[in-house]
Amino acid sequence: MTMPSTLCPCCRRPKGRGKYLCAGCWGVLPGFTRRALNRRDSRAHPRLRELHRQLAAGVPLSEIRVSP
């Protein structure tokens, strides 16, 4: 039995469980933004909130920046 996927907050396509964005949207983010979002430390959740705030504000994926 497969787990249902959730939707990408950017494009509303299915994304993998535990992923922030679908693969297509993830690939558009700048490399340094992807590296920062991949870090698993005490700042991981605040970085995710930064991502979601920028998506809600309509910032283009290629321009999204999050804290290191």
PDB file of N, CA and C in Angstrom:
ATOM      1  N   MET A   1       0.846  -1.177   0.000  1.00  0.00           N
ATOM      2  CA  MET A   1       0.000   0.000   0.000  1.00  0.00           C
ATOM      3  C   MET A   1       0.895   1.245   0.000  1.00  0.00           C
ATOM      4  N   THR A   2       0.682   2.132  -0.944  1.00  0.00           N
ATOM      5  CA  THR A   2       1.497   3.336  -1.022  1.00  0.00           C
ATOM      6  C   THR A   2       0.854   4.466  -0.229  1.00  0.00           C
ATOM      7  N   MET A   3       1.722   5.300   0.326  1.00  0.00           N
ATOM      8  CA  MET A   3       1.244   6.457   1.072  1.00  0.00           C
ATOM      9  C   MET A   3       0.870   7.556   0.078  1.00  0.00           C
ATOM     10  N   PRO A   4      -0.226   8.253   0.296  1.00  0.00           N
ATOM     11  CA  PRO A   4      -0.568   9.345  -0.614  1.00  0.00           C
ATOM     12  C   PRO A   4       0.465  10.464  -0.486  1.00  0.00           C
ATOM     13  N   SER A   5       0.790  11.055  -1.615  1.00  0.00           N
ATOM     14  CA  SER A   5       1.749  12.150  -1.568  1.00  0.00           C
ATOM     15  C   SER A   5       1.010  13.440  -1.230  1.00  0.00           C
ATOM     16  N   THR A   6       1.757  14.396  -0.766  1.00  0.00           N
ATOM     17  CA  THR A   6       1.176  15.704  -0.500  1.00  0.00           C
ATOM     18  C   THR A   6       1.458  16.590  -1.705  1.00  0.00           C
ATOM     19  N   LEU A   7       0.861  17.763  -1.724  1.00  0.00           N
ATOM     20  CA  LEU A   7       1.026  18.646  -2.864  1.00  0.00           C
ATOM     21  C   LEU A   7       2.123  19.670  -2.628  1.00  0.00           C
ATOM     22  N   CYS A   8       2.818  20.002  -3.694  1.00  0.00           N
ATOM     23  CA  CYS A   8       3.860  21.022  -3.658  1.00  0.00           C
ATOM     24  C   CYS A   8       3.191  22.362  -3.354  1.00  0.00           C
ATOM     25  N   PRO A   9       3.715  23.118  -2.387  1.00  0.00           N
ATOM     26  CA  PRO A   9       3.093  24.406  -2.064  1.00  0.00           C
ATOM     27  C   PRO A   9       3.262  25.448  -3.172  1.00  0.00           C
ATOM     28  N   CYS A  10       4.110  25.169  -4.131  1.00  0.00           N
ATOM     29  CA  CYS A  10       4.357  26.122  -5.211  1.00  0.00           C
ATOM     30  C   CYS A  10       3.445  25.858  -6.418  1.00  0.00           C
ATOM     31  N   CYS A  11       3.495  24.641  -6.937  1.00  0.00           N
ATOM     32  CA  CYS A  11       2.782  24.330  -8.181  1.00  0.00           C
ATOM     33  C   CYS A  11       1.572  23.422  -7.981  1.00  0.00           C
ATOM     34  N   ARG A  12       1.404  22.901  -6.778  1.00  0.00           N
ATOM     35  CA  ARG A  12       0.278  22.028  -6.414  1.00  0.00           C
ATOM     36  C   ARG A  12       0.338  20.646  -7.071  1.00  0.00           C
ATOM     37  N   ARG A  13       1.494  20.277  -7.619  1.00  0.00           N
ATOM     38  CA  ARG A  13       1.678  18.908  -8.120  1.00  0.00           C
ATOM     39  C   ARG A  13       2.076  18.028  -6.940  1.00  0.00           C
ATOM     40  N   PRO A  14       1.904  16.714  -7.062  1.00  0.00           N
ATOM     41  CA  PRO A  14       2.314  15.829  -5.966  1.00  0.00           C
ATOM     42  C   PRO A  14       3.817  15.944  -5.704  1.00  0.00           C
ATOM     43  N   LYS A  15       4.180  15.888  -4.437  1.00  0.00           N
ATOM     44  CA  LYS A  15       5.593  15.875  -4.042  1.00  0.00           C
ATOM     45  C   LYS A  15       5.803  14.690  -3.129  1.00  0.00           C
ATOM     46  N   GLY A  16       7.000  14.242  -3.027  1.00  0.00           N
ATOM     47  CA  GLY A  16       7.310  13.104  -2.170  1.00  0.00           C
ATOM     48  C   GLY A  16       7.087  13.418  -0.698  1.00  0.00           C
ATOM     49  N   ARG A  17       6.750  12.409   0.050  1.00  0.00           N
ATOM     50  CA  ARG A  17       6.563  12.567   1.485  1.00  0.00           C
ATOM     51  C   ARG A  17       7.878  12.998   2.126  1.00  0.00           C
ATOM     52  N   GLY A  18       7.835  14.018   2.955  1.00  0.00           N
ATOM     53  CA  GLY A  18       9.040  14.519   3.599  1.00  0.00           C
ATOM     54  C   GLY A  18       9.823  15.504   2.757  1.00  0.00           C
ATOM     55  N   LYS A  19       9.349  15.804   1.563  1.00  0.00           N
ATOM     56  CA  LYS A  19      10.016  16.766   0.677  1.00  0.00           C
ATOM     57  C   LYS A  19       9.349  18.130   0.839  1.00  0.00           C
ATOM     58  N   TYR A  20      10.128  19.196   0.683  1.00  0.00           N
ATOM     59  CA  TYR A  20       9.586  20.551   0.791  1.00  0.00           C
ATOM     60  C   TYR A  20       8.816  20.943  -0.465  1.00  0.00           C
ATOM     61  N   LEU A  21       9.344  20.563  -1.635  1.00  0.00           N
ATOM     62  CA  LEU A  21       8.752  20.902  -2.928  1.00  0.00           C
ATOM     63  C   LEU A  21       8.820  19.686  -3.846  1.00  0.00           C
ATOM     64  N   CYS A  22       8.099  19.731  -4.963  1.00  0.00           N
ATOM     65  CA  CYS A  22       8.232  18.660  -5.952  1.00  0.00           C
ATOM     66  C   CYS A  22       9.613  18.775  -6.603  1.00  0.00           C
ATOM     67  N   ALA A  23      10.027  17.741  -7.301  1.00  0.00           N
ATOM     68  CA  ALA A  23      11.363  17.727  -7.909  1.00  0.00           C
ATOM     69  C   ALA A  23      11.540  18.865  -8.911  1.00  0.00           C
ATOM     70  N   GLY A  24      10.513  19.173  -9.684  1.00  0.00           N
ATOM     71  CA  GLY A  24      10.615  20.243 -10.672  1.00  0.00           C
ATOM     72  C   GLY A  24      10.845  21.599 -10.037  1.00  0.00           C
ATOM     73  N   CYS A  25      10.090  21.912  -9.001  1.00  0.00           N
ATOM     74  CA  CYS A  25      10.246  23.204  -8.322  1.00  0.00           C
ATOM     75  C   CYS A  25      11.547  23.246  -7.541  1.00  0.00           C
ATOM     76  N   TRP A  26      11.911  22.147  -6.913  1.00  0.00           N
ATOM     77  CA  TRP A  26      13.152  22.081  -6.137  1.00  0.00           C
ATOM     78  C   TRP A  26      14.352  22.421  -7.028  1.00  0.00           C
ATOM     79  N   GLY A  27      14.344  21.912  -8.243  1.00  0.00           N
ATOM     80  CA  GLY A  27      15.456  22.146  -9.160  1.00  0.00           C
ATOM     81  C   GLY A  27      15.593  23.590  -9.612  1.00  0.00           C
ATOM     82  N   VAL A  28      14.542  24.392  -9.472  1.00  0.00           N
ATOM     83  CA  VAL A  28      14.587  25.799  -9.880  1.00  0.00           C
ATOM     84  C   VAL A  28      15.194  26.680  -8.781  1.00  0.00           C
ATOM     85  N   LEU A  29      15.133  26.220  -7.531  1.00  0.00           N
ATOM     86  CA  LEU A  29      15.726  26.993  -6.436  1.00  0.00           C
ATOM     87  C   LEU A  29      17.226  27.151  -6.663  1.00  0.00           C
ATOM     88  N   PRO A  30      17.803  28.284  -6.265  1.00  0.00           N
ATOM     89  CA  PRO A  30      19.264  28.420  -6.360  1.00  0.00           C
ATOM     90  C   PRO A  30      19.957  27.335  -5.536  1.00  0.00           C
ATOM     91  N   GLY A  31      21.135  26.925  -5.964  1.00  0.00           N
ATOM     92  CA  GLY A  31      21.872  25.864  -5.277  1.00  0.00           C
ATOM     93  C   GLY A  31      22.121  26.151  -3.807  1.00  0.00           C
ATOM     94  N   PHE A  32      22.494  27.395  -3.479  1.00  0.00           N
ATOM     95  CA  PHE A  32      22.771  27.705  -2.072  1.00  0.00           C
ATOM     96  C   PHE A  32      21.500  27.638  -1.233  1.00  0.00           C
ATOM     97  N   THR A  33      20.355  27.920  -1.838  1.00  0.00           N
ATOM     98  CA  THR A  33      19.081  27.800  -1.112  1.00  0.00           C
ATOM     99  C   THR A  33      18.766  26.324  -0.860  1.00  0.00           C
ATOM    100  N   ARG A  34      18.970  25.477  -1.876  1.00  0.00           N
ATOM    101  CA  ARG A  34      18.740  24.038  -1.689  1.00  0.00           C
ATOM    102  C   ARG A  34      19.669  23.478  -0.617  1.00  0.00           C
ATOM    103  N   ARG A  35      20.941  23.882  -0.642  1.00  0.00           N
ATOM    104  CA  ARG A  35      21.888  23.380   0.365  1.00  0.00           C
ATOM    105  C   ARG A  35      21.465  23.805   1.770  1.00  0.00           C
ATOM    106  N   ALA A  36      21.034  25.048   1.915  1.00  0.00           N
ATOM    107  CA  ALA A  36      20.594  25.524   3.234  1.00  0.00           C
ATOM    108  C   ALA A  36      19.360  24.752   3.701  1.00  0.00           C
ATOM    109  N   LEU A  37      18.411  24.511   2.791  1.00  0.00           N
ATOM    110  CA  LEU A  37      17.192  23.782   3.165  1.00  0.00           C
ATOM    111  C   LEU A  37      17.475  22.313   3.470  1.00  0.00           C
ATOM    112  N   ASN A  38      18.540  21.762   2.917  1.00  0.00           N
ATOM    113  CA  ASN A  38      18.905  20.367   3.192  1.00  0.00           C
ATOM    114  C   ASN A  38      19.588  20.184   4.541  1.00  0.00           C
ATOM    115  N   ARG A  39      20.079  21.267   5.139  1.00  0.00           N
ATOM    116  CA  ARG A  39      20.746  21.173   6.441  1.00  0.00           C
ATOM    117  C   ARG A  39      19.753  20.761   7.512  1.00  0.00           C
ATOM    118  N   ARG A  40      20.133  19.786   8.313  1.00  0.00           N
ATOM    119  CA  ARG A  40      19.290  19.319   9.421  1.00  0.00           C
ATOM    120  C   ARG A  40      19.931  19.767  10.719  1.00  0.00           C
ATOM    121  N   ASP A  41      19.572  20.965  11.156  1.00  0.00           N
ATOM    122  CA  ASP A  41      20.114  21.511  12.390  1.00  0.00           C
ATOM    123  C   ASP A  41      19.006  22.274  13.113  1.00  0.00           C
ATOM    124  N   SER A  42      19.357  23.027  14.130  1.00  0.00           N
ATOM    125  CA  SER A  42      18.344  23.735  14.922  1.00  0.00           C
ATOM    126  C   SER A  42      17.659  24.845  14.130  1.00  0.00           C
ATOM    127  N   ARG A  43      18.215  25.244  13.000  1.00  0.00           N
ATOM    128  CA  ARG A  43      17.617  26.306  12.169  1.00  0.00           C
ATOM    129  C   ARG A  43      16.800  25.760  10.997  1.00  0.00           C
ATOM    130  N   ALA A  44      16.646  24.440  10.908  1.00  0.00           N
ATOM    131  CA  ALA A  44      15.934  23.845   9.772  1.00  0.00           C
ATOM    132  C   ALA A  44      14.487  24.324   9.685  1.00  0.00           C
ATOM    133  N   HIS A  45      13.781  24.316  10.794  1.00  0.00           N
ATOM    134  CA  HIS A  45      12.373  24.728  10.765  1.00  0.00           C
ATOM    135  C   HIS A  45      12.221  26.213  10.435  1.00  0.00           C
ATOM    136  N   PRO A  46      13.016  27.108  11.028  1.00  0.00           N
ATOM    137  CA  PRO A  46      12.924  28.521  10.618  1.00  0.00           C
ATOM    138  C   PRO A  46      13.215  28.732   9.124  1.00  0.00           C
ATOM    139  N   ARG A  47      14.155  27.966   8.559  1.00  0.00           N
ATOM    140  CA  ARG A  47      14.435  28.088   7.120  1.00  0.00           C
ATOM    141  C   ARG A  47      13.226  27.651   6.304  1.00  0.00           C
ATOM    142  N   LEU A  48      12.562  26.579   6.734  1.00  0.00           N
ATOM    143  CA  LEU A  48      11.357  26.119   6.039  1.00  0.00           C
ATOM    144  C   LEU A  48      10.278  27.199   6.091  1.00  0.00           C
ATOM    145  N   ARG A  49      10.121  27.852   7.241  1.00  0.00           N
ATOM    146  CA  ARG A  49       9.146  28.946   7.349  1.00  0.00           C
ATOM    147  C   ARG A  49       9.512  30.096   6.409  1.00  0.00           C
ATOM    148  N   GLU A  50      10.809  30.392   6.280  1.00  0.00           N
ATOM    149  CA  GLU A  50      11.251  31.422   5.339  1.00  0.00           C
ATOM    150  C   GLU A  50      10.826  31.052   3.918  1.00  0.00           C
ATOM    151  N   LEU A  51      11.053  29.799   3.551  1.00  0.00           N
ATOM    152  CA  LEU A  51      10.663  29.325   2.225  1.00  0.00           C
ATOM    153  C   LEU A  51       9.168  29.524   2.014  1.00  0.00           C
ATOM    154  N   HIS A  52       8.365  29.078   2.963  1.00  0.00           N
ATOM    155  CA  HIS A  52       6.905  29.169   2.816  1.00  0.00           C
ATOM    156  C   HIS A  52       6.430  30.622   2.768  1.00  0.00           C
ATOM    157  N   ARG A  53       7.034  31.506   3.563  1.00  0.00           N
ATOM    158  CA  ARG A  53       6.663  32.927   3.527  1.00  0.00           C
ATOM    159  C   ARG A  53       6.943  33.525   2.145  1.00  0.00           C
ATOM    160  N   GLN A  54       8.094  33.179   1.580  1.00  0.00           N
ATOM    161  CA  GLN A  54       8.443  33.716   0.270  1.00  0.00           C
ATOM    162  C   GLN A  54       7.548  33.160  -0.826  1.00  0.00           C
ATOM    163  N   LEU A  55       7.209  31.871  -0.731  1.00  0.00           N
ATOM    164  CA  LEU A  55       6.273  31.293  -1.703  1.00  0.00           C
ATOM    165  C   LEU A  55       4.925  32.004  -1.625  1.00  0.00           C
ATOM    166  N   ALA A  56       4.440  32.250  -0.412  1.00  0.00           N
ATOM    167  CA  ALA A  56       3.153  32.925  -0.215  1.00  0.00           C
ATOM    168  C   ALA A  56       3.194  34.360  -0.745  1.00  0.00           C
ATOM    169  N   ALA A  57       4.364  34.983  -0.677  1.00  0.00           N
ATOM    170  CA  ALA A  57       4.517  36.368  -1.144  1.00  0.00           C
ATOM    171  C   ALA A  57       4.713  36.444  -2.663  1.00  0.00           C
ATOM    172  N   GLY A  58       4.809  35.299  -3.322  1.00  0.00           N
ATOM    173  CA  GLY A  58       4.959  35.284  -4.770  1.00  0.00           C
ATOM    174  C   GLY A  58       6.368  35.491  -5.278  1.00  0.00           C
ATOM    175  N   VAL A  59       7.365  35.293  -4.407  1.00  0.00           N
ATOM    176  CA  VAL A  59       8.764  35.421  -4.841  1.00  0.00           C
ATOM    177  C   VAL A  59       9.066  34.286  -5.828  1.00  0.00           C
ATOM    178  N   PRO A  60       9.619  34.601  -7.000  1.00  0.00           N
ATOM    179  CA  PRO A  60       9.958  33.532  -7.955  1.00  0.00           C
ATOM    180  C   PRO A  60      10.935  32.533  -7.331  1.00  0.00           C
ATOM    181  N   LEU A  61      10.762  31.264  -7.656  1.00  0.00           N
ATOM    182  CA  LEU A  61      11.623  30.219  -7.097  1.00  0.00           C
ATOM    183  C   LEU A  61      13.099  30.525  -7.295  1.00  0.00           C
ATOM    184  N   SER A  62      13.454  31.033  -8.446  1.00  0.00           N
ATOM    185  CA  SER A  62      14.869  31.292  -8.748  1.00  0.00           C
ATOM    186  C   SER A  62      15.445  32.430  -7.921  1.00  0.00           C
ATOM    187  N   GLU A  63      14.601  33.171  -7.196  1.00  0.00           N
ATOM    188  CA  GLU A  63      15.064  34.294  -6.383  1.00  0.00           C
ATOM    189  C   GLU A  63      14.941  34.043  -4.874  1.00  0.00           C
ATOM    190  N   ILE A  64      14.456  32.873  -4.492  1.00  0.00           N
ATOM    191  CA  ILE A  64      14.257  32.591  -3.064  1.00  0.00           C
ATOM    192  C   ILE A  64      15.591  32.401  -2.385  1.00  0.00           C
ATOM    193  N   ARG A  65      15.737  33.083  -1.260  1.00  0.00           N
ATOM    194  CA  ARG A  65      16.933  32.979  -0.403  1.00  0.00           C
ATOM    195  C   ARG A  65      16.467  32.665   1.000  1.00  0.00           C
ATOM    196  N   VAL A  66      17.159  31.776   1.679  1.00  0.00           N
ATOM    197  CA  VAL A  66      16.875  31.475   3.074  1.00  0.00           C
ATOM    198  C   VAL A  66      18.169  31.625   3.867  1.00  0.00           C
ATOM    199  N   SER A  67      18.036  31.714   5.180  1.00  0.00           N
ATOM    200  CA  SER A  67      19.198  31.849   6.048  1.00  0.00           C
ATOM    201  C   SER A  67      20.098  30.625   5.913  1.00  0.00           C
ATOM    202  N   PRO A  68      21.411  30.836   6.009  1.00  0.00           N
ATOM    203  CA  PRO A  68      22.338  29.690   5.942  1.00  0.00           C
ATOM    204  C   PRO A  68      22.236  28.798   7.157  1.00  0.00           C
TER     205      PRO A  68
END
